[in-house]
Amino acid sequence: DLAGGKATAAPAFADPDRLETYPWWAPDGRSLYFCSAPIPWTRRDRMPPDGYDQLRYDLSRARFDPESGAWGPRETLLSASTTGKSILLPRPSPDGRWVLFCMCQYGCFPIYQSSSDLYLLDLKTGKYRALDALNSPRSESWHSWSSNSRWIVYSSKRDDGVFTRTYIAHVAPDGTVGKPFILPQKDPDFYDSDLKTFTVPELTVEP
């Protein structure tokens, strides 16, 4: 609460028997999307803990009333038991129609897993699908929307499996995605010699 200068936690996303991560507000500020998983291990003195390869997150949401500050219960929009994978990085589109997320075999670090792919959930129908036009045999992750919900930008290791590069793709109003293209550089040989990783790209409306 920026006006009141205090921080609070709600039962919807502060369950001591579950792990919660990757929170993101809905465009209208009346829902919080996040990932939630039951803790699969009993011992916490090892890193990674025993059973980490069994950790799989659900896609969750909690309603919020800005006027009263009240939270609703945790809703499961898509469960790991249904997909068989860990659901991570939910990003609702600014127009409120879609949730873009990625899934990988387990855990909460998709950028390290070649199994990580991008998916799109239709909030009108509740159905989701893999974005095959954007995915590759290597990791896709760290995605965001443009302010008009017509473009997405994301990190991909498709080029060499080591460095993440920034890719951009168009999204039609019906959710159809176009062929992705790498972030252009002035020097066409730039990516052949650059030894830095591009991570967590964000599209902005100003330079």
C-alpha atoms as a PDB file:
ATOM      1  CA  ASP A   1       0.000   0.000   0.000  1.00  0.00           C
ATOM      2  CA  LEU A   2       2.016   2.982  -1.245  1.00  0.00           C
ATOM      3  CA  ALA A   3      -0.382   5.549   0.204  1.00  0.00           C
ATOM      4  CA  GLY A   4      -0.489   3.884   3.610  1.00  0.00           C
ATOM      5  CA  GLY A   5       3.150   2.914   3.634  1.00  0.00           C
ATOM      6  CA  LYS A   6       2.596  -0.717   4.629  1.00  0.00           C
ATOM      7  CA  ALA A   7       2.885  -4.200   3.164  1.00  0.00           C
ATOM      8  CA  THR A   8       0.489  -7.050   3.856  1.00  0.00           C
ATOM      9  CA  ALA A   9       0.005 -10.625   2.677  1.00  0.00           C
ATOM     10  CA  ALA A  10      -3.279 -12.363   1.907  1.00  0.00           C
ATOM     11  CA  PRO A  11      -4.116 -16.063   2.402  1.00  0.00           C
ATOM     12  CA  ALA A  12      -4.698 -16.380  -1.354  1.00  0.00           C
ATOM     13  CA  PHE A  13      -0.980 -16.038  -2.043  1.00  0.00           C
ATOM     14  CA  ALA A  14       0.695 -16.594   1.323  1.00  0.00           C
ATOM     15  CA  ASP A  15      -0.087 -20.255   2.060  1.00  0.00           C
ATOM     16  CA  PRO A  16       2.674 -21.746   4.274  1.00  0.00           C
ATOM     17  CA  ASP A  17       2.153 -25.141   2.620  1.00  0.00           C
ATOM     18  CA  ARG A  18       2.683 -23.812  -0.891  1.00  0.00           C
ATOM     19  CA  LEU A  19       5.267 -21.872  -2.871  1.00  0.00           C
ATOM     20  CA  GLU A  20       4.130 -18.743  -4.712  1.00  0.00           C
ATOM     21  CA  THR A  21       6.100 -16.828  -7.328  1.00  0.00           C
ATOM     22  CA  TYR A  22       5.949 -14.592 -10.428  1.00  0.00           C
ATOM     23  CA  PRO A  23       3.071 -12.250  -9.448  1.00  0.00           C
ATOM     24  CA  TRP A  24       1.646  -9.946 -12.127  1.00  0.00           C
ATOM     25  CA  TRP A  25      -1.316  -7.584 -11.985  1.00  0.00           C
ATOM     26  CA  ALA A  26      -4.214  -7.710 -14.410  1.00  0.00           C
ATOM     27  CA  PRO A  27      -4.532  -4.496 -16.459  1.00  0.00           C
ATOM     28  CA  ASP A  28      -7.526  -3.301 -14.423  1.00  0.00           C
ATOM     29  CA  GLY A  29      -5.754  -3.860 -11.093  1.00  0.00           C
ATOM     30  CA  ARG A  30      -8.542  -6.138  -9.855  1.00  0.00           C
ATOM     31  CA  SER A  31      -6.769  -9.484 -10.155  1.00  0.00           C
ATOM     32  CA  LEU A  32      -3.312 -10.777  -9.396  1.00  0.00           C
ATOM     33  CA  TYR A  33      -1.948 -13.619 -11.498  1.00  0.00           C
ATOM     34  CA  PHE A  34       0.776 -15.798  -9.992  1.00  0.00           C
ATOM     35  CA  CYS A  35       2.180 -19.318  -9.861  1.00  0.00           C
ATOM     36  CA  SER A  36       1.503 -21.635  -6.928  1.00  0.00           C
ATOM     37  CA  ALA A  37       2.764 -25.115  -6.093  1.00  0.00           C
ATOM     38  CA  PRO A  38       2.561 -27.541  -3.159  1.00  0.00           C
ATOM     39  CA  ILE A  39       5.945 -27.994  -1.498  1.00  0.00           C
ATOM     40  CA  PRO A  40       7.161 -31.448  -2.616  1.00  0.00           C
ATOM     41  CA  TRP A  41      10.012 -31.829  -0.098  1.00  0.00           C
ATOM     42  CA  THR A  42      10.209 -32.247   3.685  1.00  0.00           C
ATOM     43  CA  ARG A  43      13.849 -31.242   4.229  1.00  0.00           C
ATOM     44  CA  ARG A  44      14.897 -27.666   3.489  1.00  0.00           C
ATOM     45  CA  ASP A  45      18.581 -27.906   4.440  1.00  0.00           C
ATOM     46  CA  ARG A  46      19.746 -28.924   0.963  1.00  0.00           C
ATOM     47  CA  MET A  47      20.048 -26.899  -2.209  1.00  0.00           C
ATOM     48  CA  PRO A  48      18.387 -27.802  -4.401  1.00  0.00           C
ATOM     49  CA  PRO A  49      16.054 -29.617  -2.003  1.00  0.00           C
ATOM     50  CA  ASP A  50      15.307 -33.303  -2.416  1.00  0.00           C
ATOM     51  CA  GLY A  51      12.336 -33.628  -4.759  1.00  0.00           C
ATOM     52  CA  TYR A  52      12.978 -30.368  -6.619  1.00  0.00           C
ATOM     53  CA  ASP A  53      12.521 -32.241  -9.894  1.00  0.00           C
ATOM     54  CA  GLN A  54       8.921 -32.916  -8.770  1.00  0.00           C
ATOM     55  CA  LEU A  55       8.115 -29.222  -8.272  1.00  0.00           C
ATOM     56  CA  ARG A  56       5.393 -28.080 -10.681  1.00  0.00           C
ATOM     57  CA  TYR A  57       3.462 -24.811 -10.465  1.00  0.00           C
ATOM     58  CA  ASP A  58      -0.210 -24.135 -11.182  1.00  0.00           C
ATOM     59  CA  LEU A  59      -1.400 -20.953 -12.884  1.00  0.00           C
ATOM     60  CA  SER A  60      -3.392 -19.107 -10.218  1.00  0.00           C
ATOM     61  CA  ARG A  61      -5.339 -15.905  -9.775  1.00  0.00           C
ATOM     62  CA  ALA A  62      -6.731 -13.940  -6.829  1.00  0.00           C
ATOM     63  CA  ARG A  63      -9.377 -11.240  -7.141  1.00  0.00           C
ATOM     64  CA  PHE A  64      -8.756  -7.865  -5.481  1.00  0.00           C
ATOM     65  CA  ASP A  65     -11.058  -5.007  -4.483  1.00  0.00           C
ATOM     66  CA  PRO A  66      -9.024  -1.767  -4.646  1.00  0.00           C
ATOM     67  CA  GLU A  67     -11.651   0.172  -2.727  1.00  0.00           C
ATOM     68  CA  SER A  68     -11.693  -2.072   0.350  1.00  0.00           C
ATOM     69  CA  GLY A  69      -8.341  -3.782  -0.075  1.00  0.00           C
ATOM     70  CA  ALA A  70     -10.047  -7.191   0.258  1.00  0.00           C
ATOM     71  CA  TRP A  71      -8.744 -10.299  -1.493  1.00  0.00           C
ATOM     72  CA  GLY A  72     -10.701 -13.255  -2.800  1.00  0.00           C
ATOM     73  CA  PRO A  73      -9.546 -16.896  -2.589  1.00  0.00           C
ATOM     74  CA  ARG A  74      -6.905 -18.415  -4.825  1.00  0.00           C
ATOM     75  CA  GLU A  75      -8.345 -19.658  -8.129  1.00  0.00           C
ATOM     76  CA  THR A  76      -6.565 -22.288 -10.200  1.00  0.00           C
ATOM     77  CA  LEU A  77      -6.866 -21.340 -13.869  1.00  0.00           C
ATOM     78  CA  LEU A  78      -4.656 -24.167 -15.110  1.00  0.00           C
ATOM     79  CA  SER A  79      -3.177 -26.942 -12.980  1.00  0.00           C
ATOM     80  CA  ALA A  80       0.140 -28.718 -13.332  1.00  0.00           C
ATOM     81  CA  SER A  81      -1.692 -31.997 -12.785  1.00  0.00           C
ATOM     82  CA  THR A  82      -3.573 -31.291 -16.029  1.00  0.00           C
ATOM     83  CA  THR A  83      -0.589 -30.182 -18.104  1.00  0.00           C
ATOM     84  CA  GLY A  84       2.048 -32.443 -16.516  1.00  0.00           C
ATOM     85  CA  LYS A  85       4.406 -29.452 -16.540  1.00  0.00           C
ATOM     86  CA  SER A  86       5.334 -26.457 -14.429  1.00  0.00           C
ATOM     87  CA  ILE A  87       3.468 -23.267 -15.422  1.00  0.00           C
ATOM     88  CA  LEU A  88       5.482 -20.055 -15.040  1.00  0.00           C
ATOM     89  CA  LEU A  89       5.699 -16.332 -15.826  1.00  0.00           C
ATOM     90  CA  PRO A  90       2.016 -15.454 -16.433  1.00  0.00           C
ATOM     91  CA  ARG A  91       1.581 -12.161 -18.280  1.00  0.00           C
ATOM     92  CA  PRO A  92      -1.990 -10.969 -18.956  1.00  0.00           C
ATOM     93  CA  SER A  93      -2.402  -8.916 -22.113  1.00  0.00           C
ATOM     94  CA  PRO A  94      -3.263  -5.213 -21.657  1.00  0.00           C
ATOM     95  CA  ASP A  95      -6.604  -5.739 -23.446  1.00  0.00           C
ATOM     96  CA  GLY A  96      -7.571  -8.369 -20.845  1.00  0.00           C
ATOM     97  CA  ARG A  97      -8.137 -11.168 -23.369  1.00  0.00           C
ATOM     98  CA  TRP A  98      -5.082 -13.409 -23.011  1.00  0.00           C
ATOM     99  CA  VAL A  99      -2.510 -14.720 -20.565  1.00  0.00           C
ATOM    100  CA  LEU A 100       0.893 -15.488 -22.038  1.00  0.00           C
ATOM    101  CA  PHE A 101       2.973 -17.970 -20.020  1.00  0.00           C
ATOM    102  CA  CYS A 102       5.611 -20.634 -20.398  1.00  0.00           C
ATOM    103  CA  MET A 103       5.799 -24.249 -19.287  1.00  0.00           C
ATOM    104  CA  CYS A 104       8.747 -26.527 -18.650  1.00  0.00           C
ATOM    105  CA  GLN A 105       9.235 -29.979 -17.161  1.00  0.00           C
ATOM    106  CA  TYR A 106       9.657 -28.818 -13.545  1.00  0.00           C
ATOM    107  CA  GLY A 107      10.835 -26.027 -11.267  1.00  0.00           C
ATOM    108  CA  CYS A 108      10.612 -22.267 -11.638  1.00  0.00           C
ATOM    109  CA  PHE A 109      13.601 -21.308 -13.825  1.00  0.00           C
ATOM    110  CA  PRO A 110      12.436 -21.859 -17.418  1.00  0.00           C
ATOM    111  CA  ILE A 111      15.403 -20.101 -18.979  1.00  0.00           C
ATOM    112  CA  TYR A 112      17.612 -23.009 -17.863  1.00  0.00           C
ATOM    113  CA  GLN A 113      15.403 -25.707 -19.386  1.00  0.00           C
ATOM    114  CA  SER A 114      15.298 -26.530 -23.081  1.00  0.00           C
ATOM    115  CA  SER A 115      11.753 -27.863 -22.511  1.00  0.00           C
ATOM    116  CA  SER A 116      10.415 -24.343 -21.825  1.00  0.00           C
ATOM    117  CA  ASP A 117       7.871 -23.211 -24.442  1.00  0.00           C
ATOM    118  CA  LEU A 118       5.404 -20.324 -24.730  1.00  0.00           C
ATOM    119  CA  TYR A 119       1.640 -20.849 -24.384  1.00  0.00           C
ATOM    120  CA  LEU A 120      -1.433 -18.638 -24.661  1.00  0.00           C
ATOM    121  CA  LEU A 121      -4.535 -18.908 -22.465  1.00  0.00           C
ATOM    122  CA  ASP A 122      -7.805 -17.453 -23.775  1.00  0.00           C
ATOM    123  CA  LEU A 123      -9.567 -15.882 -20.786  1.00  0.00           C
ATOM    124  CA  LYS A 124     -12.892 -15.952 -22.647  1.00  0.00           C
ATOM    125  CA  THR A 125     -12.922 -19.684 -23.314  1.00  0.00           C
ATOM    126  CA  GLY A 126     -10.481 -20.982 -20.687  1.00  0.00           C
ATOM    127  CA  LYS A 127      -8.599 -22.895 -23.395  1.00  0.00           C
ATOM    128  CA  TYR A 128      -4.856 -22.735 -23.909  1.00  0.00           C
ATOM    129  CA  ARG A 129      -2.481 -23.747 -26.671  1.00  0.00           C
ATOM    130  CA  ALA A 130       1.228 -23.915 -27.427  1.00  0.00           C
ATOM    131  CA  LEU A 131       2.503 -21.100 -29.626  1.00  0.00           C
ATOM    132  CA  ASP A 132       4.222 -23.404 -32.097  1.00  0.00           C
ATOM    133  CA  ALA A 133       5.181 -20.530 -34.381  1.00  0.00           C
ATOM    134  CA  LEU A 134       7.335 -19.064 -31.585  1.00  0.00           C
ATOM    135  CA  ASN A 135       8.725 -22.190 -29.944  1.00  0.00           C
ATOM    136  CA  SER A 136      11.929 -24.064 -30.714  1.00  0.00           C
ATOM    137  CA  PRO A 137      13.725 -27.137 -29.325  1.00  0.00           C
ATOM    138  CA  ARG A 138      15.492 -24.745 -26.902  1.00  0.00           C
ATOM    139  CA  SER A 139      14.307 -22.477 -24.109  1.00  0.00           C
ATOM    140  CA  GLU A 140      11.737 -19.719 -24.655  1.00  0.00           C
ATOM    141  CA  SER A 141      10.960 -17.496 -21.637  1.00  0.00           C
ATOM    142  CA  TRP A 142      10.906 -13.954 -20.186  1.00  0.00           C
ATOM    143  CA  HIS A 143       8.122 -12.519 -22.325  1.00  0.00           C
ATOM    144  CA  SER A 144       6.094  -9.306 -22.272  1.00  0.00           C
ATOM    145  CA  TRP A 145       3.326  -7.555 -24.195  1.00  0.00           C
ATOM    146  CA  SER A 146       3.181  -4.296 -26.071  1.00  0.00           C
ATOM    147  CA  SER A 147       0.714  -1.733 -24.697  1.00  0.00           C
ATOM    148  CA  ASN A 148      -1.772  -2.428 -27.523  1.00  0.00           C
ATOM    149  CA  SER A 149      -1.622  -6.251 -27.094  1.00  0.00           C
ATOM    150  CA  ARG A 150      -0.517  -6.705 -30.709  1.00  0.00           C
ATOM    151  CA  TRP A 151       3.141  -7.575 -30.109  1.00  0.00           C
ATOM    152  CA  ILE A 152       5.130  -9.735 -27.734  1.00  0.00           C
ATOM    153  CA  VAL A 153       8.831  -9.807 -27.021  1.00  0.00           C
ATOM    154  CA  TYR A 154      10.610 -12.763 -25.431  1.00  0.00           C
ATOM    155  CA  SER A 155      13.984 -14.367 -24.730  1.00  0.00           C
ATOM    156  CA  SER A 156      15.029 -17.440 -26.704  1.00  0.00           C
ATOM    157  CA  LYS A 157      18.078 -19.699 -26.727  1.00  0.00           C
ATOM    158  CA  ARG A 158      17.187 -21.077 -30.172  1.00  0.00           C
ATOM    159  CA  ASP A 159      20.337 -19.779 -31.849  1.00  0.00           C
ATOM    160  CA  ASP A 160      23.087 -21.583 -29.932  1.00  0.00           C
ATOM    161  CA  GLY A 161      21.530 -22.982 -26.751  1.00  0.00           C
ATOM    162  CA  VAL A 162      23.787 -20.818 -24.559  1.00  0.00           C
ATOM    163  CA  PHE A 163      22.946 -17.139 -24.991  1.00  0.00           C
ATOM    164  CA  THR A 164      19.393 -15.790 -24.888  1.00  0.00           C
ATOM    165  CA  ARG A 165      18.472 -13.396 -27.680  1.00  0.00           C
ATOM    166  CA  THR A 166      15.469 -11.102 -27.913  1.00  0.00           C
ATOM    167  CA  TYR A 167      12.737 -12.080 -30.393  1.00  0.00           C
ATOM    168  CA  ILE A 168       9.646 -10.103 -31.388  1.00  0.00           C
ATOM    169  CA  ALA A 169       6.373 -11.421 -32.841  1.00  0.00           C
ATOM    170  CA  HIS A 170       3.016 -10.001 -33.907  1.00  0.00           C
ATOM    171  CA  VAL A 171      -0.218 -11.167 -32.245  1.00  0.00           C
ATOM    172  CA  ALA A 172      -3.493 -10.800 -34.149  1.00  0.00           C
ATOM    173  CA  PRO A 173      -6.762  -9.993 -32.313  1.00  0.00           C
ATOM    174  CA  ASP A 174      -7.788 -13.671 -32.572  1.00  0.00           C
ATOM    175  CA  GLY A 175      -4.541 -14.800 -30.920  1.00  0.00           C
ATOM    176  CA  THR A 176      -2.771 -15.911 -34.091  1.00  0.00           C
ATOM    177  CA  VAL A 177       0.941 -15.208 -33.834  1.00  0.00           C
ATOM    178  CA  GLY A 178       3.270 -14.321 -36.687  1.00  0.00           C
ATOM    179  CA  LYS A 179       6.774 -15.524 -37.430  1.00  0.00           C
ATOM    180  CA  PRO A 180       9.213 -14.185 -34.803  1.00  0.00           C
ATOM    181  CA  PHE A 181      12.219 -12.089 -35.764  1.00  0.00           C
ATOM    182  CA  ILE A 182      15.342 -11.316 -33.768  1.00  0.00           C
ATOM    183  CA  LEU A 183      15.865  -7.808 -32.394  1.00  0.00           C
ATOM    184  CA  PRO A 184      17.569  -6.014 -35.310  1.00  0.00           C
ATOM    185  CA  GLN A 185      21.081  -4.666 -34.888  1.00  0.00           C
ATOM    186  CA  LYS A 186      22.948  -2.068 -36.934  1.00  0.00           C
ATOM    187  CA  ASP A 187      25.743  -4.585 -37.580  1.00  0.00           C
ATOM    188  CA  PRO A 188      24.359  -7.819 -39.100  1.00  0.00           C
ATOM    189  CA  ASP A 189      27.315  -9.752 -37.581  1.00  0.00           C
ATOM    190  CA  PHE A 190      26.567  -8.468 -34.070  1.00  0.00           C
ATOM    191  CA  TYR A 191      25.163 -11.722 -32.680  1.00  0.00           C
ATOM    192  CA  ASP A 192      28.080 -13.786 -34.028  1.00  0.00           C
ATOM    193  CA  SER A 193      30.541 -12.049 -31.712  1.00  0.00           C
ATOM    194  CA  ASP A 194      28.522 -10.635 -28.807  1.00  0.00           C
ATOM    195  CA  LEU A 195      29.086 -12.613 -25.602  1.00  0.00           C
ATOM    196  CA  LYS A 196      26.268 -11.122 -23.559  1.00  0.00           C
ATOM    197  CA  THR A 197      22.824 -12.522 -22.787  1.00  0.00           C
ATOM    198  CA  PHE A 198      19.589 -10.578 -23.322  1.00  0.00           C
ATOM    199  CA  THR A 199      17.160 -11.269 -20.469  1.00  0.00           C
ATOM    200  CA  VAL A 200      13.762  -9.905 -19.305  1.00  0.00           C
ATOM    201  CA  PRO A 201      12.977  -7.694 -22.330  1.00  0.00           C
ATOM    202  CA  GLU A 202      10.156  -5.154 -21.974  1.00  0.00           C
ATOM    203  CA  LEU A 203       8.396  -3.179 -24.691  1.00  0.00           C
ATOM    204  CA  THR A 204       7.897   0.521 -23.907  1.00  0.00           C
ATOM    205  CA  VAL A 205       5.902   3.342 -25.492  1.00  0.00           C
ATOM    206  CA  GLU A 206       8.831   5.819 -25.320  1.00  0.00           C
ATOM    207  CA  PRO A 207      12.557   5.573 -26.062  1.00  0.00           C
END
